[in-house]
Amino acid sequence: MTAINYFWRHPLAEQAREEGRVEERARMTLGILEWRGIPVPEAVRERVLACTHLEQLKTWAQRAVHATAADNLFVGDDDRT
């Protein structure tokens, strides 16, 4: 039992969880645009999927809810992606 508990606290396990959260948030952001019927150009898709900053992806997901075009996700960004 101890070995299992140790694994979940291991830095590699935390890194895997973080990567999963980042990928999930990126796909969710693109999904919101697609569900709303907003075309997603390949350049936007690539930029969102390449982003590794969870907070940036959170911002984009929030913007996707109100966006009228996929490029609206990036308005006002400082290019931290």
C-alpha atoms as a PDB file:
ATOM      1  CA  MET A   1       0.000   0.000   0.000  1.00  0.00           C
ATOM      2  CA  THR A   2       2.836   2.406   0.810  1.00  0.00           C
ATOM      3  CA  ALA A   3       4.399   2.018  -2.643  1.00  0.00           C
ATOM      4  CA  ILE A   4       1.127   2.994  -4.303  1.00  0.00           C
ATOM      5  CA  ASN A   5       0.728   6.085  -2.140  1.00  0.00           C
ATOM      6  CA  TYR A   6       4.311   7.066  -2.865  1.00  0.00           C
ATOM      7  CA  PHE A   7       3.787   6.811  -6.622  1.00  0.00           C
ATOM      8  CA  TRP A   8       0.903   9.311  -6.596  1.00  0.00           C
ATOM      9  CA  ARG A   9       3.046  11.839  -4.724  1.00  0.00           C
ATOM     10  CA  HIS A  10       6.037  11.318  -6.988  1.00  0.00           C
ATOM     11  CA  PRO A  11       7.018  14.327  -9.164  1.00  0.00           C
ATOM     12  CA  LEU A  12       6.618  12.261 -12.342  1.00  0.00           C
ATOM     13  CA  ALA A  13       3.046  11.387 -11.393  1.00  0.00           C
ATOM     14  CA  GLU A  14       2.287  15.051 -10.719  1.00  0.00           C
ATOM     15  CA  GLN A  15       3.835  16.027 -14.048  1.00  0.00           C
ATOM     16  CA  ALA A  16       1.659  13.464 -15.841  1.00  0.00           C
ATOM     17  CA  ARG A  17      -1.455  14.813 -14.101  1.00  0.00           C
ATOM     18  CA  GLU A  18      -0.533  18.391 -15.047  1.00  0.00           C
ATOM     19  CA  GLU A  19       0.036  17.436 -18.675  1.00  0.00           C
ATOM     20  CA  GLY A  20      -3.344  15.733 -18.689  1.00  0.00           C
ATOM     21  CA  ARG A  21      -5.035  18.852 -17.303  1.00  0.00           C
ATOM     22  CA  VAL A  22      -3.349  21.041 -19.924  1.00  0.00           C
ATOM     23  CA  GLU A  23      -4.367  18.757 -22.789  1.00  0.00           C
ATOM     24  CA  GLU A  24      -7.920  18.469 -21.464  1.00  0.00           C
ATOM     25  CA  ARG A  25      -8.271  22.259 -21.131  1.00  0.00           C
ATOM     26  CA  ALA A  26      -6.923  22.821 -24.660  1.00  0.00           C
ATOM     27  CA  ARG A  27      -9.374  20.323 -26.149  1.00  0.00           C
ATOM     28  CA  MET A  28     -12.213  21.814 -24.098  1.00  0.00           C
ATOM     29  CA  THR A  29     -11.425  25.293 -25.429  1.00  0.00           C
ATOM     30  CA  LEU A  30     -11.515  24.077 -29.021  1.00  0.00           C
ATOM     31  CA  GLY A  31     -14.650  22.082 -28.269  1.00  0.00           C
ATOM     32  CA  ILE A  32     -16.472  25.158 -27.000  1.00  0.00           C
ATOM     33  CA  LEU A  33     -15.774  26.964 -30.267  1.00  0.00           C
ATOM     34  CA  GLU A  34     -16.858  23.963 -32.310  1.00  0.00           C
ATOM     35  CA  TRP A  35     -20.058  23.450 -30.255  1.00  0.00           C
ATOM     36  CA  ARG A  36     -20.914  27.082 -30.876  1.00  0.00           C
ATOM     37  CA  GLY A  37     -20.470  26.593 -34.633  1.00  0.00           C
ATOM     38  CA  ILE A  38     -17.389  28.803 -34.851  1.00  0.00           C
ATOM     39  CA  PRO A  39     -14.899  27.607 -37.492  1.00  0.00           C
ATOM     40  CA  VAL A  40     -11.476  26.872 -36.015  1.00  0.00           C
ATOM     41  CA  PRO A  41      -8.621  27.555 -38.457  1.00  0.00           C
ATOM     42  CA  GLU A  42      -5.631  25.225 -38.271  1.00  0.00           C
ATOM     43  CA  ALA A  43      -3.394  28.046 -36.975  1.00  0.00           C
ATOM     44  CA  VAL A  44      -5.723  28.614 -34.000  1.00  0.00           C
ATOM     45  CA  ARG A  45      -5.981  24.870 -33.325  1.00  0.00           C
ATOM     46  CA  GLU A  46      -2.193  24.512 -33.379  1.00  0.00           C
ATOM     47  CA  ARG A  47      -1.658  27.482 -31.063  1.00  0.00           C
ATOM     48  CA  VAL A  48      -4.186  26.232 -28.519  1.00  0.00           C
ATOM     49  CA  LEU A  49      -2.859  22.663 -28.574  1.00  0.00           C
ATOM     50  CA  ALA A  50       0.759  23.899 -28.278  1.00  0.00           C
ATOM     51  CA  CYS A  51       0.015  25.990 -25.175  1.00  0.00           C
ATOM     52  CA  THR A  52       1.424  24.568 -21.930  1.00  0.00           C
ATOM     53  CA  HIS A  53       0.172  27.260 -19.519  1.00  0.00           C
ATOM     54  CA  LEU A  54      -2.941  26.091 -17.710  1.00  0.00           C
ATOM     55  CA  GLU A  55      -3.965  29.634 -16.706  1.00  0.00           C
ATOM     56  CA  GLN A  56      -3.682  30.850 -20.310  1.00  0.00           C
ATOM     57  CA  LEU A  57      -5.860  27.972 -21.455  1.00  0.00           C
ATOM     58  CA  LYS A  58      -8.378  28.840 -18.739  1.00  0.00           C
ATOM     59  CA  THR A  59      -8.531  32.402 -20.068  1.00  0.00           C
ATOM     60  CA  TRP A  60      -9.009  31.169 -23.623  1.00  0.00           C
ATOM     61  CA  ALA A  61     -11.770  28.771 -22.541  1.00  0.00           C
ATOM     62  CA  GLN A  62     -13.604  31.656 -20.885  1.00  0.00           C
ATOM     63  CA  ARG A  63     -13.186  33.790 -24.009  1.00  0.00           C
ATOM     64  CA  ALA A  64     -14.436  30.923 -26.196  1.00  0.00           C
ATOM     65  CA  VAL A  65     -17.832  31.154 -24.501  1.00  0.00           C
ATOM     66  CA  HIS A  66     -18.379  34.676 -25.873  1.00  0.00           C
ATOM     67  CA  ALA A  67     -16.144  34.706 -28.965  1.00  0.00           C
ATOM     68  CA  THR A  68     -17.592  35.490 -32.362  1.00  0.00           C
ATOM     69  CA  ALA A  69     -14.484  34.195 -34.176  1.00  0.00           C
ATOM     70  CA  ALA A  70     -11.749  31.755 -33.172  1.00  0.00           C
ATOM     71  CA  ASP A  71      -9.107  34.516 -33.296  1.00  0.00           C
ATOM     72  CA  ASN A  72     -10.966  36.313 -30.488  1.00  0.00           C
ATOM     73  CA  LEU A  73      -9.308  33.896 -28.054  1.00  0.00           C
ATOM     74  CA  PHE A  74      -6.009  35.716 -28.427  1.00  0.00           C
ATOM     75  CA  VAL A  75      -7.108  39.358 -28.237  1.00  0.00           C
ATOM     76  CA  GLY A  76      -5.032  41.141 -25.606  1.00  0.00           C
ATOM     77  CA  ASP A  77      -2.590  38.287 -24.994  1.00  0.00           C
ATOM     78  CA  ASP A  78       1.063  38.886 -24.323  1.00  0.00           C
ATOM     79  CA  ASP A  79       2.080  35.746 -26.307  1.00  0.00           C
ATOM     80  CA  ARG A  80       2.987  33.567 -23.311  1.00  0.00           C
ATOM     81  CA  THR A  81       2.123  30.432 -25.236  1.00  0.00           C
END
